[in-house]
N, C-alpha and C. Protein backbone atom coordinates (compact mmCIF):
# COMPACT_ATOMS: atom_id res chain seq x y z
N UNK A 1 -27.02 -9.33 31.89
CA UNK A 1 -27.57 -8.43 30.88
C UNK A 1 -29.08 -8.40 31.02
N UNK A 2 -29.68 -7.24 30.98
CA UNK A 2 -31.10 -7.09 31.25
C UNK A 2 -32.00 -7.67 30.17
N UNK A 3 -31.52 -7.82 28.93
CA UNK A 3 -32.38 -8.34 27.87
C UNK A 3 -32.62 -9.83 28.00
N UNK A 4 -31.91 -10.50 28.90
CA UNK A 4 -31.94 -11.94 28.99
C UNK A 4 -33.21 -12.56 29.56
N UNK A 5 -33.92 -11.97 30.53
CA UNK A 5 -35.03 -12.68 31.14
C UNK A 5 -36.03 -13.17 30.11
N UNK A 6 -36.42 -14.41 30.25
CA UNK A 6 -37.40 -15.00 29.36
C UNK A 6 -38.75 -15.01 30.07
N UNK A 7 -39.82 -14.94 29.30
CA UNK A 7 -41.12 -15.03 29.93
C UNK A 7 -41.28 -16.40 30.56
N UNK A 8 -41.79 -16.44 31.77
CA UNK A 8 -42.01 -17.71 32.46
C UNK A 8 -43.35 -17.70 33.13
N UNK A 9 -43.80 -18.88 33.50
CA UNK A 9 -45.09 -18.97 34.17
C UNK A 9 -45.00 -18.47 35.60
N UNK A 10 -43.78 -18.22 36.11
CA UNK A 10 -43.63 -17.72 37.48
C UNK A 10 -43.73 -16.21 37.56
N UNK A 11 -43.77 -15.52 36.43
CA UNK A 11 -43.94 -14.07 36.46
C UNK A 11 -45.35 -13.76 36.97
N UNK A 12 -45.50 -12.66 37.70
CA UNK A 12 -46.83 -12.32 38.20
C UNK A 12 -47.82 -12.18 37.05
N UNK A 13 -49.00 -12.72 37.23
CA UNK A 13 -50.02 -12.65 36.19
C UNK A 13 -50.57 -11.23 36.06
N UNK A 14 -50.59 -10.51 37.17
CA UNK A 14 -51.14 -9.16 37.17
C UNK A 14 -50.14 -8.20 37.81
N UNK A 15 -50.17 -6.97 37.36
CA UNK A 15 -49.37 -5.94 38.01
C UNK A 15 -50.31 -4.89 38.57
N UNK A 16 -49.87 -4.22 39.57
CA UNK A 16 -50.69 -3.18 40.18
C UNK A 16 -50.69 -1.95 39.27
N UNK A 17 -51.72 -1.15 39.36
CA UNK A 17 -51.89 0.00 38.48
C UNK A 17 -50.73 0.98 38.49
N UNK A 18 -50.01 1.09 39.57
CA UNK A 18 -48.91 2.05 39.67
C UNK A 18 -47.56 1.45 39.22
N UNK A 19 -47.52 0.14 38.92
CA UNK A 19 -46.26 -0.51 38.56
C UNK A 19 -46.00 -0.41 37.06
N UNK A 20 -44.75 -0.18 36.68
CA UNK A 20 -44.41 -0.16 35.25
C UNK A 20 -44.43 -1.58 34.69
N UNK A 21 -44.55 -1.72 33.39
CA UNK A 21 -44.55 -3.06 32.80
C UNK A 21 -43.17 -3.72 32.92
N UNK A 22 -43.16 -5.05 32.89
CA UNK A 22 -41.92 -5.81 33.00
C UNK A 22 -40.92 -5.43 31.91
N UNK A 23 -41.42 -5.04 30.74
CA UNK A 23 -40.51 -4.68 29.64
C UNK A 23 -39.53 -3.60 30.07
N UNK A 24 -39.98 -2.65 30.87
CA UNK A 24 -39.09 -1.58 31.31
C UNK A 24 -38.50 -1.85 32.68
N UNK A 25 -39.29 -2.40 33.59
CA UNK A 25 -38.80 -2.58 34.96
C UNK A 25 -37.90 -3.80 35.14
N UNK A 26 -38.17 -4.88 34.44
CA UNK A 26 -37.37 -6.10 34.59
C UNK A 26 -36.36 -6.29 33.46
N UNK A 27 -36.80 -6.07 32.22
CA UNK A 27 -35.94 -6.36 31.08
C UNK A 27 -35.01 -5.21 30.73
N UNK A 28 -35.33 -4.01 31.19
CA UNK A 28 -34.50 -2.85 30.89
C UNK A 28 -34.71 -2.28 29.50
N UNK A 29 -35.81 -2.65 28.84
CA UNK A 29 -36.09 -2.10 27.52
C UNK A 29 -36.50 -0.64 27.69
N UNK A 30 -36.22 0.18 26.65
CA UNK A 30 -36.51 1.60 26.68
C UNK A 30 -37.54 1.95 25.60
N UNK A 31 -38.57 2.69 26.02
CA UNK A 31 -39.61 3.09 25.07
C UNK A 31 -38.97 3.85 23.90
N UNK A 32 -39.41 3.55 22.68
CA UNK A 32 -38.89 4.23 21.49
C UNK A 32 -40.00 4.95 20.73
N UNK A 33 -41.07 4.24 20.37
CA UNK A 33 -42.17 4.90 19.67
C UNK A 33 -43.44 4.06 19.72
N UNK A 34 -44.52 4.68 19.29
CA UNK A 34 -45.80 4.02 19.11
C UNK A 34 -46.13 4.12 17.64
N UNK A 35 -46.23 2.99 16.95
CA UNK A 35 -46.54 2.96 15.53
C UNK A 35 -48.03 2.78 15.32
N UNK A 36 -48.63 3.68 14.56
CA UNK A 36 -50.08 3.64 14.33
C UNK A 36 -50.36 3.55 12.83
N UNK A 37 -50.99 2.46 12.39
CA UNK A 37 -51.35 2.35 10.97
C UNK A 37 -52.43 3.37 10.61
N UNK A 38 -52.35 3.88 9.40
CA UNK A 38 -53.35 4.82 8.90
C UNK A 38 -53.50 4.62 7.39
N UNK A 39 -54.62 5.00 6.86
CA UNK A 39 -54.80 4.98 5.41
C UNK A 39 -54.81 6.40 4.85
N UNK A 40 -54.67 7.38 5.72
CA UNK A 40 -54.69 8.79 5.33
C UNK A 40 -53.28 9.33 5.15
N UNK A 41 -52.98 9.92 3.98
CA UNK A 41 -51.66 10.55 3.82
C UNK A 41 -51.47 11.63 4.88
N UNK A 42 -50.24 11.73 5.39
CA UNK A 42 -49.93 12.67 6.47
C UNK A 42 -48.84 13.63 6.00
N UNK A 43 -48.78 14.82 6.61
CA UNK A 43 -47.73 15.78 6.24
C UNK A 43 -46.34 15.19 6.52
N UNK A 44 -45.40 15.52 5.67
CA UNK A 44 -43.98 15.16 5.84
C UNK A 44 -43.72 13.67 5.88
N UNK A 45 -44.61 12.86 5.31
CA UNK A 45 -44.32 11.44 5.29
C UNK A 45 -43.25 11.14 4.25
N UNK A 46 -42.50 10.08 4.51
CA UNK A 46 -41.50 9.65 3.54
C UNK A 46 -41.64 8.16 3.30
N UNK A 47 -41.18 7.73 2.14
CA UNK A 47 -41.41 6.37 1.66
C UNK A 47 -40.23 5.48 1.96
N UNK A 48 -40.52 4.32 2.53
CA UNK A 48 -39.51 3.27 2.75
C UNK A 48 -39.77 2.20 1.69
N UNK A 49 -39.01 2.26 0.61
CA UNK A 49 -39.26 1.43 -0.55
C UNK A 49 -39.26 -0.06 -0.24
N UNK A 50 -38.30 -0.53 0.56
CA UNK A 50 -38.21 -1.97 0.81
C UNK A 50 -39.43 -2.51 1.56
N UNK A 51 -40.16 -1.65 2.24
CA UNK A 51 -41.36 -2.08 2.97
C UNK A 51 -42.65 -1.62 2.30
N UNK A 52 -42.53 -0.84 1.23
CA UNK A 52 -43.68 -0.26 0.55
C UNK A 52 -44.61 0.41 1.57
N UNK A 53 -44.01 1.32 2.33
CA UNK A 53 -44.78 2.02 3.35
C UNK A 53 -44.27 3.44 3.51
N UNK A 54 -45.15 4.30 3.98
CA UNK A 54 -44.84 5.68 4.29
C UNK A 54 -44.84 5.84 5.80
N UNK A 55 -43.91 6.60 6.33
CA UNK A 55 -43.89 6.88 7.77
C UNK A 55 -43.79 8.39 7.97
N UNK A 56 -44.36 8.84 9.09
CA UNK A 56 -44.32 10.26 9.40
C UNK A 56 -44.57 10.47 10.88
N UNK A 57 -44.25 11.65 11.35
CA UNK A 57 -44.58 12.06 12.70
C UNK A 57 -43.53 11.82 13.75
N UNK A 58 -42.68 10.82 13.57
CA UNK A 58 -41.73 10.44 14.60
C UNK A 58 -40.82 11.59 15.00
N UNK A 59 -40.29 12.29 14.02
CA UNK A 59 -39.31 13.35 14.29
C UNK A 59 -39.90 14.52 15.08
N UNK A 60 -41.21 14.73 14.96
CA UNK A 60 -41.83 15.90 15.57
C UNK A 60 -42.70 15.61 16.78
N UNK A 61 -42.97 14.35 17.04
CA UNK A 61 -43.86 14.01 18.14
C UNK A 61 -43.10 13.94 19.46
N UNK A 62 -43.50 14.70 20.46
CA UNK A 62 -42.83 14.62 21.75
C UNK A 62 -43.12 13.30 22.46
N UNK A 63 -44.06 12.51 21.93
CA UNK A 63 -44.43 11.24 22.54
C UNK A 63 -43.96 10.04 21.72
N UNK A 64 -43.29 10.30 20.60
CA UNK A 64 -42.79 9.21 19.77
C UNK A 64 -43.87 8.55 18.92
N UNK A 65 -44.90 9.30 18.54
CA UNK A 65 -45.94 8.73 17.68
C UNK A 65 -45.42 8.70 16.25
N UNK A 66 -45.52 7.52 15.64
CA UNK A 66 -45.11 7.33 14.25
C UNK A 66 -46.31 6.79 13.47
N UNK A 67 -46.70 7.53 12.45
CA UNK A 67 -47.79 7.09 11.58
C UNK A 67 -47.22 6.23 10.47
N UNK A 68 -47.94 5.17 10.11
CA UNK A 68 -47.50 4.26 9.06
C UNK A 68 -48.64 4.05 8.06
N UNK A 69 -48.34 4.31 6.79
CA UNK A 69 -49.32 4.10 5.72
C UNK A 69 -48.71 3.13 4.73
N UNK A 70 -49.44 2.10 4.39
CA UNK A 70 -48.89 1.01 3.57
C UNK A 70 -49.40 1.07 2.13
N UNK A 71 -48.48 0.89 1.20
CA UNK A 71 -48.83 0.85 -0.21
C UNK A 71 -49.31 -0.57 -0.55
N UNK A 72 -50.09 -0.70 -1.63
CA UNK A 72 -50.51 -2.04 -2.05
C UNK A 72 -49.27 -2.93 -2.27
N UNK A 73 -49.39 -4.16 -1.85
CA UNK A 73 -48.29 -5.11 -2.03
C UNK A 73 -47.20 -5.02 -0.98
N UNK A 74 -47.42 -4.26 0.09
CA UNK A 74 -46.42 -4.16 1.14
C UNK A 74 -46.13 -5.54 1.73
N UNK A 75 -44.84 -5.87 1.91
CA UNK A 75 -44.49 -7.17 2.48
C UNK A 75 -44.63 -7.21 4.01
N UNK A 76 -44.98 -6.11 4.62
CA UNK A 76 -45.12 -6.04 6.07
C UNK A 76 -46.30 -6.91 6.51
N UNK A 77 -46.10 -7.65 7.59
CA UNK A 77 -47.12 -8.57 8.10
C UNK A 77 -48.47 -7.84 8.23
N UNK A 78 -49.57 -8.49 7.84
CA UNK A 78 -50.89 -7.85 7.90
C UNK A 78 -51.27 -7.33 9.30
N UNK A 79 -50.85 -8.01 10.34
CA UNK A 79 -51.18 -7.55 11.69
C UNK A 79 -50.53 -6.19 11.97
N UNK A 80 -49.30 -6.01 11.52
CA UNK A 80 -48.58 -4.74 11.72
C UNK A 80 -49.24 -3.63 10.90
N UNK A 81 -49.83 -4.00 9.77
CA UNK A 81 -50.51 -3.02 8.93
C UNK A 81 -51.86 -2.59 9.50
N UNK A 82 -52.38 -3.34 10.47
CA UNK A 82 -53.73 -3.05 10.95
C UNK A 82 -53.84 -2.77 12.45
N UNK A 83 -52.82 -3.14 13.24
CA UNK A 83 -52.88 -2.97 14.68
C UNK A 83 -51.71 -2.09 15.15
N UNK A 84 -51.96 -1.07 15.95
CA UNK A 84 -50.85 -0.25 16.46
C UNK A 84 -49.84 -1.11 17.24
N UNK A 85 -48.60 -0.67 17.25
CA UNK A 85 -47.57 -1.39 18.01
C UNK A 85 -46.76 -0.41 18.85
N UNK A 86 -46.23 -0.91 19.95
CA UNK A 86 -45.30 -0.15 20.76
C UNK A 86 -43.91 -0.68 20.43
N UNK A 87 -42.92 0.21 20.44
CA UNK A 87 -41.55 -0.19 20.10
C UNK A 87 -40.62 0.14 21.26
N UNK A 88 -39.70 -0.78 21.52
CA UNK A 88 -38.71 -0.61 22.58
C UNK A 88 -37.31 -0.75 22.00
N UNK A 89 -36.39 0.06 22.49
CA UNK A 89 -34.98 -0.10 22.16
C UNK A 89 -34.39 -1.10 23.14
N UNK A 90 -33.61 -2.04 22.62
CA UNK A 90 -32.96 -3.06 23.45
C UNK A 90 -31.46 -3.02 23.18
N UNK A 91 -30.68 -3.49 24.13
CA UNK A 91 -29.22 -3.53 23.96
C UNK A 91 -28.78 -4.71 23.11
N UNK A 92 -29.50 -5.84 23.19
CA UNK A 92 -29.11 -7.07 22.49
C UNK A 92 -30.37 -7.71 21.92
N UNK A 93 -30.60 -7.53 20.64
CA UNK A 93 -31.83 -8.01 20.01
C UNK A 93 -31.98 -9.52 20.13
N UNK A 94 -30.91 -10.25 19.87
CA UNK A 94 -30.99 -11.72 19.93
C UNK A 94 -31.40 -12.19 21.32
N UNK A 95 -30.82 -11.60 22.34
CA UNK A 95 -31.15 -11.98 23.72
C UNK A 95 -32.61 -11.61 24.03
N UNK A 96 -33.05 -10.45 23.57
CA UNK A 96 -34.42 -10.00 23.85
C UNK A 96 -35.46 -10.90 23.18
N UNK A 97 -35.09 -11.56 22.10
CA UNK A 97 -36.03 -12.43 21.38
C UNK A 97 -36.17 -13.81 22.01
N UNK A 98 -35.25 -14.19 22.86
CA UNK A 98 -35.27 -15.52 23.44
C UNK A 98 -36.57 -15.81 24.16
N UNK A 99 -37.21 -16.93 23.79
CA UNK A 99 -38.43 -17.36 24.44
C UNK A 99 -39.68 -16.60 24.04
N UNK A 100 -39.57 -15.74 23.03
CA UNK A 100 -40.73 -14.96 22.62
C UNK A 100 -41.21 -15.39 21.23
N UNK A 101 -42.49 -15.19 20.96
CA UNK A 101 -43.06 -15.53 19.67
C UNK A 101 -42.68 -14.45 18.66
N UNK A 102 -41.94 -14.83 17.63
CA UNK A 102 -41.45 -13.88 16.64
C UNK A 102 -42.46 -13.72 15.51
N UNK A 103 -42.86 -12.49 15.27
CA UNK A 103 -43.79 -12.16 14.20
C UNK A 103 -43.03 -11.81 12.92
N UNK A 104 -41.97 -11.00 13.06
CA UNK A 104 -41.10 -10.63 11.94
C UNK A 104 -39.67 -10.90 12.38
N UNK A 105 -38.97 -11.71 11.61
CA UNK A 105 -37.59 -12.09 11.95
C UNK A 105 -36.68 -10.86 11.97
N UNK A 106 -35.58 -10.93 12.70
CA UNK A 106 -34.64 -9.81 12.73
C UNK A 106 -34.21 -9.41 11.32
N UNK A 107 -34.17 -8.10 11.09
CA UNK A 107 -33.75 -7.56 9.80
C UNK A 107 -33.14 -6.20 10.03
N UNK A 108 -32.51 -5.67 8.98
CA UNK A 108 -31.85 -4.37 9.10
C UNK A 108 -32.45 -3.41 8.07
N UNK A 109 -33.39 -2.56 8.51
CA UNK A 109 -34.03 -1.64 7.58
C UNK A 109 -33.10 -0.51 7.12
N UNK A 110 -32.07 -0.24 7.92
CA UNK A 110 -31.08 0.78 7.55
C UNK A 110 -29.79 0.49 8.31
N UNK A 111 -28.72 1.12 7.86
CA UNK A 111 -27.42 0.86 8.45
C UNK A 111 -27.40 1.17 9.95
N UNK A 112 -26.88 0.21 10.72
CA UNK A 112 -26.76 0.40 12.15
C UNK A 112 -28.02 0.12 12.96
N UNK A 113 -29.08 -0.34 12.29
CA UNK A 113 -30.34 -0.61 12.96
C UNK A 113 -30.77 -2.05 12.67
N UNK A 114 -31.12 -2.78 13.72
CA UNK A 114 -31.70 -4.11 13.57
C UNK A 114 -33.03 -4.10 14.30
N UNK A 115 -34.04 -4.69 13.67
CA UNK A 115 -35.38 -4.73 14.26
C UNK A 115 -35.98 -6.12 14.12
N UNK A 116 -36.93 -6.40 14.97
CA UNK A 116 -37.76 -7.61 14.89
C UNK A 116 -39.09 -7.27 15.55
N UNK A 117 -40.10 -8.03 15.21
CA UNK A 117 -41.41 -7.86 15.82
C UNK A 117 -41.76 -9.15 16.54
N UNK A 118 -42.27 -9.00 17.76
CA UNK A 118 -42.76 -10.14 18.51
C UNK A 118 -44.26 -9.99 18.70
N UNK A 119 -44.88 -11.04 19.15
CA UNK A 119 -46.31 -11.02 19.38
C UNK A 119 -46.56 -11.21 20.87
N UNK A 120 -47.37 -10.34 21.46
CA UNK A 120 -47.72 -10.44 22.86
C UNK A 120 -49.23 -10.32 23.01
N UNK A 121 -49.86 -11.42 23.34
CA UNK A 121 -51.30 -11.42 23.57
C UNK A 121 -52.06 -10.82 22.38
N UNK A 122 -51.62 -11.14 21.16
CA UNK A 122 -52.27 -10.67 19.95
C UNK A 122 -51.81 -9.32 19.44
N UNK A 123 -50.90 -8.66 20.18
CA UNK A 123 -50.43 -7.33 19.79
C UNK A 123 -48.99 -7.39 19.30
N UNK A 124 -48.68 -6.69 18.21
CA UNK A 124 -47.29 -6.64 17.75
C UNK A 124 -46.47 -5.70 18.63
N UNK A 125 -45.24 -6.12 18.93
CA UNK A 125 -44.29 -5.33 19.71
C UNK A 125 -43.00 -5.28 18.89
N UNK A 126 -42.47 -4.08 18.66
CA UNK A 126 -41.24 -3.94 17.89
C UNK A 126 -40.06 -3.79 18.84
N UNK A 127 -38.98 -4.49 18.53
CA UNK A 127 -37.74 -4.38 19.28
C UNK A 127 -36.68 -3.84 18.34
N UNK A 128 -35.94 -2.80 18.77
CA UNK A 128 -34.91 -2.17 17.94
C UNK A 128 -33.58 -2.21 18.66
N UNK A 129 -32.54 -2.49 17.90
CA UNK A 129 -31.17 -2.43 18.42
C UNK A 129 -30.40 -1.47 17.53
N UNK A 130 -29.77 -0.48 18.13
CA UNK A 130 -28.98 0.50 17.38
C UNK A 130 -27.51 0.20 17.61
N UNK A 131 -26.75 0.23 16.53
CA UNK A 131 -25.30 0.02 16.62
C UNK A 131 -24.62 1.20 15.94
N UNK A 132 -23.60 1.73 16.60
CA UNK A 132 -22.85 2.84 16.00
C UNK A 132 -23.68 4.10 15.95
N UNK A 133 -23.47 4.87 14.91
CA UNK A 133 -24.15 6.16 14.73
C UNK A 133 -25.64 5.95 14.52
N UNK A 134 -26.43 6.72 15.24
CA UNK A 134 -27.88 6.62 15.11
C UNK A 134 -28.36 7.30 13.84
N UNK A 135 -29.43 6.77 13.31
CA UNK A 135 -30.00 7.30 12.08
C UNK A 135 -30.76 8.60 12.35
N UNK A 136 -30.72 9.51 11.37
CA UNK A 136 -31.46 10.75 11.48
C UNK A 136 -32.96 10.46 11.39
N UNK A 137 -33.34 9.49 10.57
CA UNK A 137 -34.73 9.10 10.45
C UNK A 137 -34.86 7.68 10.95
N UNK A 138 -35.94 7.36 11.64
CA UNK A 138 -36.11 6.01 12.13
C UNK A 138 -36.29 5.04 10.98
N UNK A 139 -35.81 3.84 11.14
CA UNK A 139 -36.08 2.81 10.16
C UNK A 139 -37.51 2.36 10.33
N UNK A 140 -37.70 1.13 10.38
CA UNK A 140 -39.04 0.61 10.59
C UNK A 140 -39.07 -0.13 11.90
């Protein structure tokens, strides 16, 4: 299974400019979206009550850009509220988390979706696993 490789010290320290990142080339993860924190209300945003946050843009962006605006008291980790993150779809969330620093433990923001956040060199990375019918709107 492609989600299994763990980060090791034997992985190349550098990749050449034309090479894709290991997340896609070795692990088989698939790009899902880029989450960008903002303090500005955006058109067509909707509220995710359990996270006290507004999201917008995902459905209409050909590049998967998702804007995130956080309400006071949001339980979302402060790093996620302040630093953009890239998100990848994985086949097996538990396997993909092996050997990685977990920022946000696996959770289910909506039916059929499991997510977790890992930390890579100070940057948050979101991993999503979809089961069954896909959601019309992305979770978190």
